[in-house]
C-alpha cells in the first residue's frame, strides 16, 4: 500500500474513535431554529460537508486547468 492510502485509513480510524466518544446531546441553533441532536451527528455532518466542499473545489479547479 502506498503512503496516501495508509494515511487515509489512519485518519478514518481516528475520526471514528472521536465519533464514538461523543454521544451527548447538544443544542444547535441555526437562524430561527433550535434543535437538540447528538454531538456524533453534528461531527459527522461537519466532516461530510468539509469533504464535499473540498471535493467540489478540487473538481472545479481541475477542470479549469484542463482548458
PDB file of N, CA and C in Angstrom:
ATOM      1  N   UNK A   1       0.841  -1.192   0.000  1.00  0.00           N
ATOM      2  CA  UNK A   1       0.000   0.000   0.000  1.00  0.00           C
ATOM      3  C   UNK A   1       0.875   1.240   0.000  1.00  0.00           C
ATOM      4  N   UNK A   2       0.400   2.252  -0.652  1.00  0.00           N
ATOM      5  CA  UNK A   2       1.166   3.490  -0.685  1.00  0.00           C
ATOM      6  C   UNK A   2       0.855   4.356   0.529  1.00  0.00           C
ATOM      7  N   UNK A   3       1.656   5.379   0.695  1.00  0.00           N
ATOM      8  CA  UNK A   3       1.572   6.246   1.863  1.00  0.00           C
ATOM      9  C   UNK A   3       0.215   6.931   1.974  1.00  0.00           C
ATOM     10  N   UNK A   4      -0.345   7.356   0.849  1.00  0.00           N
ATOM     11  CA  UNK A   4      -1.623   8.082   0.862  1.00  0.00           C
ATOM     12  C   UNK A   4      -2.760   7.209   1.414  1.00  0.00           C
ATOM     13  N   UNK A   5      -2.809   5.969   1.012  1.00  0.00           N
ATOM     14  CA  UNK A   5      -3.868   5.069   1.494  1.00  0.00           C
ATOM     15  C   UNK A   5      -3.720   4.784   2.980  1.00  0.00           C
ATOM     16  N   UNK A   6      -2.498   4.580   3.425  1.00  0.00           N
ATOM     17  CA  UNK A   6      -2.260   4.319   4.841  1.00  0.00           C
ATOM     18  C   UNK A   6      -2.675   5.528   5.669  1.00  0.00           C
ATOM     19  N   UNK A   7      -2.337   6.718   5.208  1.00  0.00           N
ATOM     20  CA  UNK A   7      -2.710   7.944   5.915  1.00  0.00           C
ATOM     21  C   UNK A   7      -4.229   8.102   5.979  1.00  0.00           C
ATOM     22  N   UNK A   8      -4.917   7.827   4.894  1.00  0.00           N
ATOM     23  CA  UNK A   8      -6.383   7.923   4.872  1.00  0.00           C
ATOM     24  C   UNK A   8      -7.004   6.927   5.843  1.00  0.00           C
ATOM     25  N   UNK A   9      -6.483   5.705   5.887  1.00  0.00           N
ATOM     26  CA  UNK A   9      -7.006   4.690   6.803  1.00  0.00           C
ATOM     27  C   UNK A   9      -6.785   5.108   8.257  1.00  0.00           C
ATOM     28  N   UNK A  10      -5.599   5.622   8.564  1.00  0.00           N
ATOM     29  CA  UNK A  10      -5.312   6.074   9.930  1.00  0.00           C
ATOM     30  C   UNK A  10      -6.229   7.224  10.330  1.00  0.00           C
ATOM     31  N   UNK A  11      -6.404   8.199   9.444  1.00  0.00           N
ATOM     32  CA  UNK A  11      -7.284   9.332   9.742  1.00  0.00           C
ATOM     33  C   UNK A  11      -8.732   8.883   9.908  1.00  0.00           C
ATOM     34  N   UNK A  12      -9.178   7.932   9.113  1.00  0.00           N
ATOM     35  CA  UNK A  12     -10.543   7.419   9.238  1.00  0.00           C
ATOM     36  C   UNK A  12     -10.742   6.715  10.578  1.00  0.00           C
ATOM     37  N   UNK A  13      -9.742   5.960  11.020  1.00  0.00           N
ATOM     38  CA  UNK A  13      -9.837   5.282  12.319  1.00  0.00           C
ATOM     39  C   UNK A  13      -9.882   6.289  13.452  1.00  0.00           C
ATOM     40  N   UNK A  14      -9.039   7.305  13.392  1.00  0.00           N
ATOM     41  CA  UNK A  14      -9.034   8.347  14.434  1.00  0.00           C
ATOM     42  C   UNK A  14     -10.370   9.085  14.441  1.00  0.00           C
ATOM     43  N   UNK A  15     -10.908   9.406  13.271  1.00  0.00           N
ATOM     44  CA  UNK A  15     -12.191  10.088  13.188  1.00  0.00           C
ATOM     45  C   UNK A  15     -13.304   9.214  13.768  1.00  0.00           C
ATOM     46  N   UNK A  16     -13.281   7.934  13.478  1.00  0.00           N
ATOM     47  CA  UNK A  16     -14.289   7.014  14.017  1.00  0.00           C
ATOM     48  C   UNK A  16     -14.215   6.963  15.540  1.00  0.00           C
ATOM     49  N   UNK A  17     -13.005   6.939  16.103  1.00  0.00           N
ATOM     50  CA  UNK A  17     -12.843   6.928  17.561  1.00  0.00           C
ATOM     51  C   UNK A  17     -13.420   8.200  18.171  1.00  0.00           C
ATOM     52  N   UNK A  18     -13.165   9.342  17.549  1.00  0.00           N
ATOM     53  CA  UNK A  18     -13.712  10.613  18.048  1.00  0.00           C
ATOM     54  C   UNK A  18     -15.237  10.585  17.983  1.00  0.00           C
ATOM     55  N   UNK A  19     -15.785  10.076  16.899  1.00  0.00           N
ATOM     56  CA  UNK A  19     -17.244   9.994  16.775  1.00  0.00           C
ATOM     57  C   UNK A  19     -17.857   9.132  17.875  1.00  0.00           C
ATOM     58  N   UNK A  20     -17.280   7.984  18.113  1.00  0.00           N
ATOM     59  CA  UNK A  20     -17.843   7.047  19.088  1.00  0.00           C
ATOM     60  C   UNK A  20     -17.819   7.631  20.501  1.00  0.00           C
ATOM     61  N   UNK A  21     -16.879   8.501  20.791  1.00  0.00           N
ATOM     62  CA  UNK A  21     -16.761   9.061  22.135  1.00  0.00           C
ATOM     63  C   UNK A  21     -17.666  10.265  22.375  1.00  0.00           C
ATOM     64  N   UNK A  22     -18.434  10.693  21.379  1.00  0.00           N
ATOM     65  CA  UNK A  22     -19.240  11.908  21.514  1.00  0.00           C
ATOM     66  C   UNK A  22     -20.709  11.632  21.242  1.00  0.00           C
ATOM     67  N   UNK A  23     -21.395  11.073  22.221  1.00  0.00           N
ATOM     68  CA  UNK A  23     -22.818  10.759  22.089  1.00  0.00           C
ATOM     69  C   UNK A  23     -23.727  11.760  22.807  1.00  0.00           C
ATOM     70  N   UNK A  24     -23.171  12.650  23.627  1.00  0.00           N
ATOM     71  CA  UNK A  24     -24.010  13.547  24.416  1.00  0.00           C
ATOM     72  C   UNK A  24     -24.794  14.513  23.504  1.00  0.00           C
ATOM     73  N   UNK A  25     -26.005  14.849  23.891  1.00  0.00           N
ATOM     74  CA  UNK A  25     -26.813  15.771  23.079  1.00  0.00           C
ATOM     75  C   UNK A  25     -26.326  17.212  23.220  1.00  0.00           C
ATOM     76  N   UNK A  26     -26.442  17.959  22.133  1.00  0.00           N
ATOM     77  CA  UNK A  26     -26.076  19.378  22.134  1.00  0.00           C
ATOM     78  C   UNK A  26     -27.210  20.167  21.478  1.00  0.00           C
ATOM     79  N   UNK A  27     -27.296  21.441  21.824  1.00  0.00           N
ATOM     80  CA  UNK A  27     -28.270  22.334  21.189  1.00  0.00           C
ATOM     81  C   UNK A  27     -27.616  22.998  19.998  1.00  0.00           C
ATOM     82  N   UNK A  28     -28.300  22.942  18.857  1.00  0.00           N
ATOM     83  CA  UNK A  28     -27.805  23.555  17.631  1.00  0.00           C
ATOM     84  C   UNK A  28     -28.780  24.653  17.246  1.00  0.00           C
ATOM     85  N   UNK A  29     -28.257  25.851  17.096  1.00  0.00           N
ATOM     86  CA  UNK A  29     -29.084  26.986  16.679  1.00  0.00           C
ATOM     87  C   UNK A  29     -28.656  27.416  15.288  1.00  0.00           C
ATOM     88  N   UNK A  30     -29.620  27.490  14.380  1.00  0.00           N
ATOM     89  CA  UNK A  30     -29.367  27.930  13.017  1.00  0.00           C
ATOM     90  C   UNK A  30     -30.503  28.848  12.592  1.00  0.00           C
ATOM     91  N   UNK A  31     -30.165  30.101  12.372  1.00  0.00           N
ATOM     92  CA  UNK A  31     -31.141  31.138  12.036  1.00  0.00           C
ATOM     93  C   UNK A  31     -32.262  31.161  13.078  1.00  0.00           C
ATOM     94  N   UNK A  32     -33.456  30.680  12.729  1.00  0.00           N
ATOM     95  CA  UNK A  32     -34.582  30.731  13.652  1.00  0.00           C
ATOM     96  C   UNK A  32     -34.882  29.389  14.314  1.00  0.00           C
ATOM     97  N   UNK A  33     -34.109  28.376  13.990  1.00  0.00           N
ATOM     98  CA  UNK A  33     -34.370  27.039  14.510  1.00  0.00           C
ATOM     99  C   UNK A  33     -33.409  26.687  15.627  1.00  0.00           C
ATOM    100  N   UNK A  34     -33.902  25.920  16.573  1.00  0.00           N
ATOM    101  CA  UNK A  34     -33.064  25.370  17.632  1.00  0.00           C
ATOM    102  C   UNK A  34     -33.437  23.900  17.782  1.00  0.00           C
ATOM    103  N   UNK A  35     -32.430  23.038  17.667  1.00  0.00           N
ATOM    104  CA  UNK A  35     -32.653  21.595  17.682  1.00  0.00           C
ATOM    105  C   UNK A  35     -31.647  20.958  18.624  1.00  0.00           C
ATOM    106  N   UNK A  36     -32.068  19.935  19.328  1.00  0.00           N
ATOM    107  CA  UNK A  36     -31.149  19.174  20.164  1.00  0.00           C
ATOM    108  C   UNK A  36     -30.835  17.867  19.441  1.00  0.00           C
ATOM    109  N   UNK A  37     -29.555  17.682  19.126  1.00  0.00           N
ATOM    110  CA  UNK A  37     -29.109  16.483  18.407  1.00  0.00           C
ATOM    111  C   UNK A  37     -27.879  15.904  19.093  1.00  0.00           C
ATOM    112  N   UNK A  38     -27.621  14.621  18.887  1.00  0.00           N
ATOM    113  CA  UNK A  38     -26.386  14.049  19.435  1.00  0.00           C
ATOM    114  C   UNK A  38     -25.161  14.674  18.761  1.00  0.00           C
ATOM    115  N   UNK A  39     -24.121  14.879  19.531  1.00  0.00           N
ATOM    116  CA  UNK A  39     -22.913  15.507  19.011  1.00  0.00           C
ATOM    117  C   UNK A  39     -22.285  14.671  17.898  1.00  0.00           C
ATOM    118  N   UNK A  40     -22.464  13.373  17.950  1.00  0.00           N
ATOM    119  CA  UNK A  40     -21.906  12.498  16.920  1.00  0.00           C
ATOM    120  C   UNK A  40     -22.473  12.847  15.539  1.00  0.00           C
ATOM    121  N   UNK A  41     -23.755  13.214  15.491  1.00  0.00           N
ATOM    122  CA  UNK A  41     -24.392  13.583  14.218  1.00  0.00           C
ATOM    123  C   UNK A  41     -23.778  14.873  13.677  1.00  0.00           C
ATOM    124  N   UNK A  42     -23.597  15.860  14.539  1.00  0.00           N
ATOM    125  CA  UNK A  42     -23.031  17.135  14.106  1.00  0.00           C
ATOM    126  C   UNK A  42     -21.582  16.978  13.644  1.00  0.00           C
ATOM    127  N   UNK A  43     -20.809  16.165  14.346  1.00  0.00           N
ATOM    128  CA  UNK A  43     -19.425  15.927  13.925  1.00  0.00           C
ATOM    129  C   UNK A  43     -19.381  15.243  12.556  1.00  0.00           C
ATOM    130  N   UNK A  44     -20.229  14.254  12.381  1.00  0.00           N
ATOM    131  CA  UNK A  44     -20.263  13.541  11.102  1.00  0.00           C
ATOM    132  C   UNK A  44     -20.710  14.464   9.965  1.00  0.00           C
ATOM    133  N   UNK A  45     -21.764  15.241  10.197  1.00  0.00           N
ATOM    134  CA  UNK A  45     -22.254  16.147   9.154  1.00  0.00           C
ATOM    135  C   UNK A  45     -21.235  17.231   8.821  1.00  0.00           C
ATOM    136  N   UNK A  46     -20.535  17.734   9.833  1.00  0.00           N
ATOM    137  CA  UNK A  46     -19.499  18.738   9.597  1.00  0.00           C
ATOM    138  C   UNK A  46     -18.354  18.165   8.765  1.00  0.00           C
ATOM    139  N   UNK A  47     -17.935  16.962   9.093  1.00  0.00           N
ATOM    140  CA  UNK A  47     -16.862  16.318   8.327  1.00  0.00           C
ATOM    141  C   UNK A  47     -17.315  16.029   6.895  1.00  0.00           C
ATOM    142  N   UNK A  48     -18.549  15.569   6.743  1.00  0.00           N
ATOM    143  CA  UNK A  48     -19.084  15.290   5.414  1.00  0.00           C
ATOM    144  C   UNK A  48     -19.170  16.567   4.577  1.00  0.00           C
ATOM    145  N   UNK A  49     -19.648  17.640   5.174  1.00  0.00           N
ATOM    146  CA  UNK A  49     -19.729  18.914   4.473  1.00  0.00           C
ATOM    147  C   UNK A  49     -18.338  19.405   4.066  1.00  0.00           C
ATOM    148  N   UNK A  50     -17.369  19.288   4.952  1.00  0.00           N
ATOM    149  CA  UNK A  50     -16.000  19.683   4.625  1.00  0.00           C
ATOM    150  C   UNK A  50     -15.432  18.849   3.495  1.00  0.00           C
ATOM    151  N   UNK A  51     -15.684  17.540   3.510  1.00  0.00           N
ATOM    152  CA  UNK A  51     -15.224  16.664   2.439  1.00  0.00           C
ATOM    153  C   UNK A  51     -15.859  17.055   1.110  1.00  0.00           C
ATOM    154  N   UNK A  52     -17.168  17.307   1.112  1.00  0.00           N
ATOM    155  CA  UNK A  52     -17.856  17.669  -0.127  1.00  0.00           C
ATOM    156  C   UNK A  52     -17.366  18.994  -0.693  1.00  0.00           C
ATOM    157  N   UNK A  53     -17.155  19.977   0.173  1.00  0.00           N
ATOM    158  CA  UNK A  53     -16.653  21.276  -0.284  1.00  0.00           C
ATOM    159  C   UNK A  53     -15.262  21.115  -0.899  1.00  0.00           C
ATOM    160  N   UNK A  54     -14.404  20.353  -0.250  1.00  0.00           N
ATOM    161  CA  UNK A  54     -13.056  20.115  -0.768  1.00  0.00           C
ATOM    162  C   UNK A  54     -13.108  19.368  -2.091  1.00  0.00           C
ATOM    163  N   UNK A  55     -13.940  18.349  -2.189  1.00  0.00           N
ATOM    164  CA  UNK A  55     -14.059  17.569  -3.419  1.00  0.00           C
ATOM    165  C   UNK A  55     -14.546  18.442  -4.579  1.00  0.00           C
ATOM    166  N   UNK A  56     -15.578  19.231  -4.338  1.00  0.00           N
ATOM    167  CA  UNK A  56     -16.118  20.108  -5.382  1.00  0.00           C
ATOM    168  C   UNK A  56     -15.079  21.139  -5.794  1.00  0.00           C
ATOM    169  N   UNK A  57     -14.386  21.730  -4.818  1.00  0.00           N
ATOM    170  CA  UNK A  57     -13.362  22.738  -5.105  1.00  0.00           C
ATOM    171  C   UNK A  57     -12.252  22.142  -5.983  1.00  0.00           C
ATOM    172  N   UNK A  58     -11.761  20.970  -5.633  1.00  0.00           N
ATOM    173  CA  UNK A  58     -10.691  20.347  -6.415  1.00  0.00           C
ATOM    174  C   UNK A  58     -11.186  19.933  -7.795  1.00  0.00           C
ATOM    175  N   UNK A  59     -12.437  19.504  -7.890  1.00  0.00           N
ATOM    176  CA  UNK A  59     -13.010  19.130  -9.177  1.00  0.00           C
ATOM    177  C   UNK A  59     -13.120  20.349 -10.099  1.00  0.00           C
ATOM    178  N   UNK A  60     -13.597  21.474  -9.571  1.00  0.00           N
ATOM    179  CA  UNK A  60     -13.712  22.702 -10.366  1.00  0.00           C
ATOM    180  C   UNK A  60     -12.336  23.199 -10.767  1.00  0.00           C
ATOM    181  N   UNK A  61     -11.396  23.188  -9.838  1.00  0.00           N
ATOM    182  CA  UNK A  61     -10.041  23.651 -10.120  1.00  0.00           C
ATOM    183  C   UNK A  61      -9.370  22.774 -11.179  1.00  0.00           C
ATOM    184  N   UNK A  62      -9.632  21.477 -11.136  1.00  0.00           N
ATOM    185  CA  UNK A  62      -9.073  20.569 -12.134  1.00  0.00           C
ATOM    186  C   UNK A  62      -9.623  20.813 -13.518  1.00  0.00           C
ATOM    187  N   UNK A  63     -10.884  21.163 -13.606  1.00  0.00           N
ATOM    188  CA  UNK A  63     -11.488  21.473 -14.920  1.00  0.00           C
ATOM    189  C   UNK A  63     -10.890  22.736 -15.516  1.00  0.00           C
ATOM    190  N   UNK A  64     -10.637  23.745 -14.706  1.00  0.00           N
ATOM    191  CA  UNK A  64     -10.057  24.992 -15.212  1.00  0.00           C
ATOM    192  C   UNK A  64      -8.661  24.765 -15.765  1.00  0.00           C
ATOM    193  N   UNK A  65      -7.897  23.897 -15.142  1.00  0.00           N
ATOM    194  CA  UNK A  65      -6.525  23.656 -15.601  1.00  0.00           C
ATOM    195  C   UNK A  65      -6.499  22.876 -16.911  1.00  0.00           C
ATOM    196  N   UNK A  66      -7.499  22.034 -17.157  1.00  0.00           N
ATOM    197  CA  UNK A  66      -7.520  21.256 -18.386  1.00  0.00           C
ATOM    198  C   UNK A  66      -7.870  22.100 -19.607  1.00  0.00           C
ATOM    199  N   UNK A  67      -8.551  23.209 -19.429  1.00  0.00           N
ATOM    200  CA  UNK A  67      -8.971  24.047 -20.556  1.00  0.00           C
ATOM    201  C   UNK A  67      -7.838  24.793 -21.149  1.00  0.00           C
TER     202      UNK A  67
END
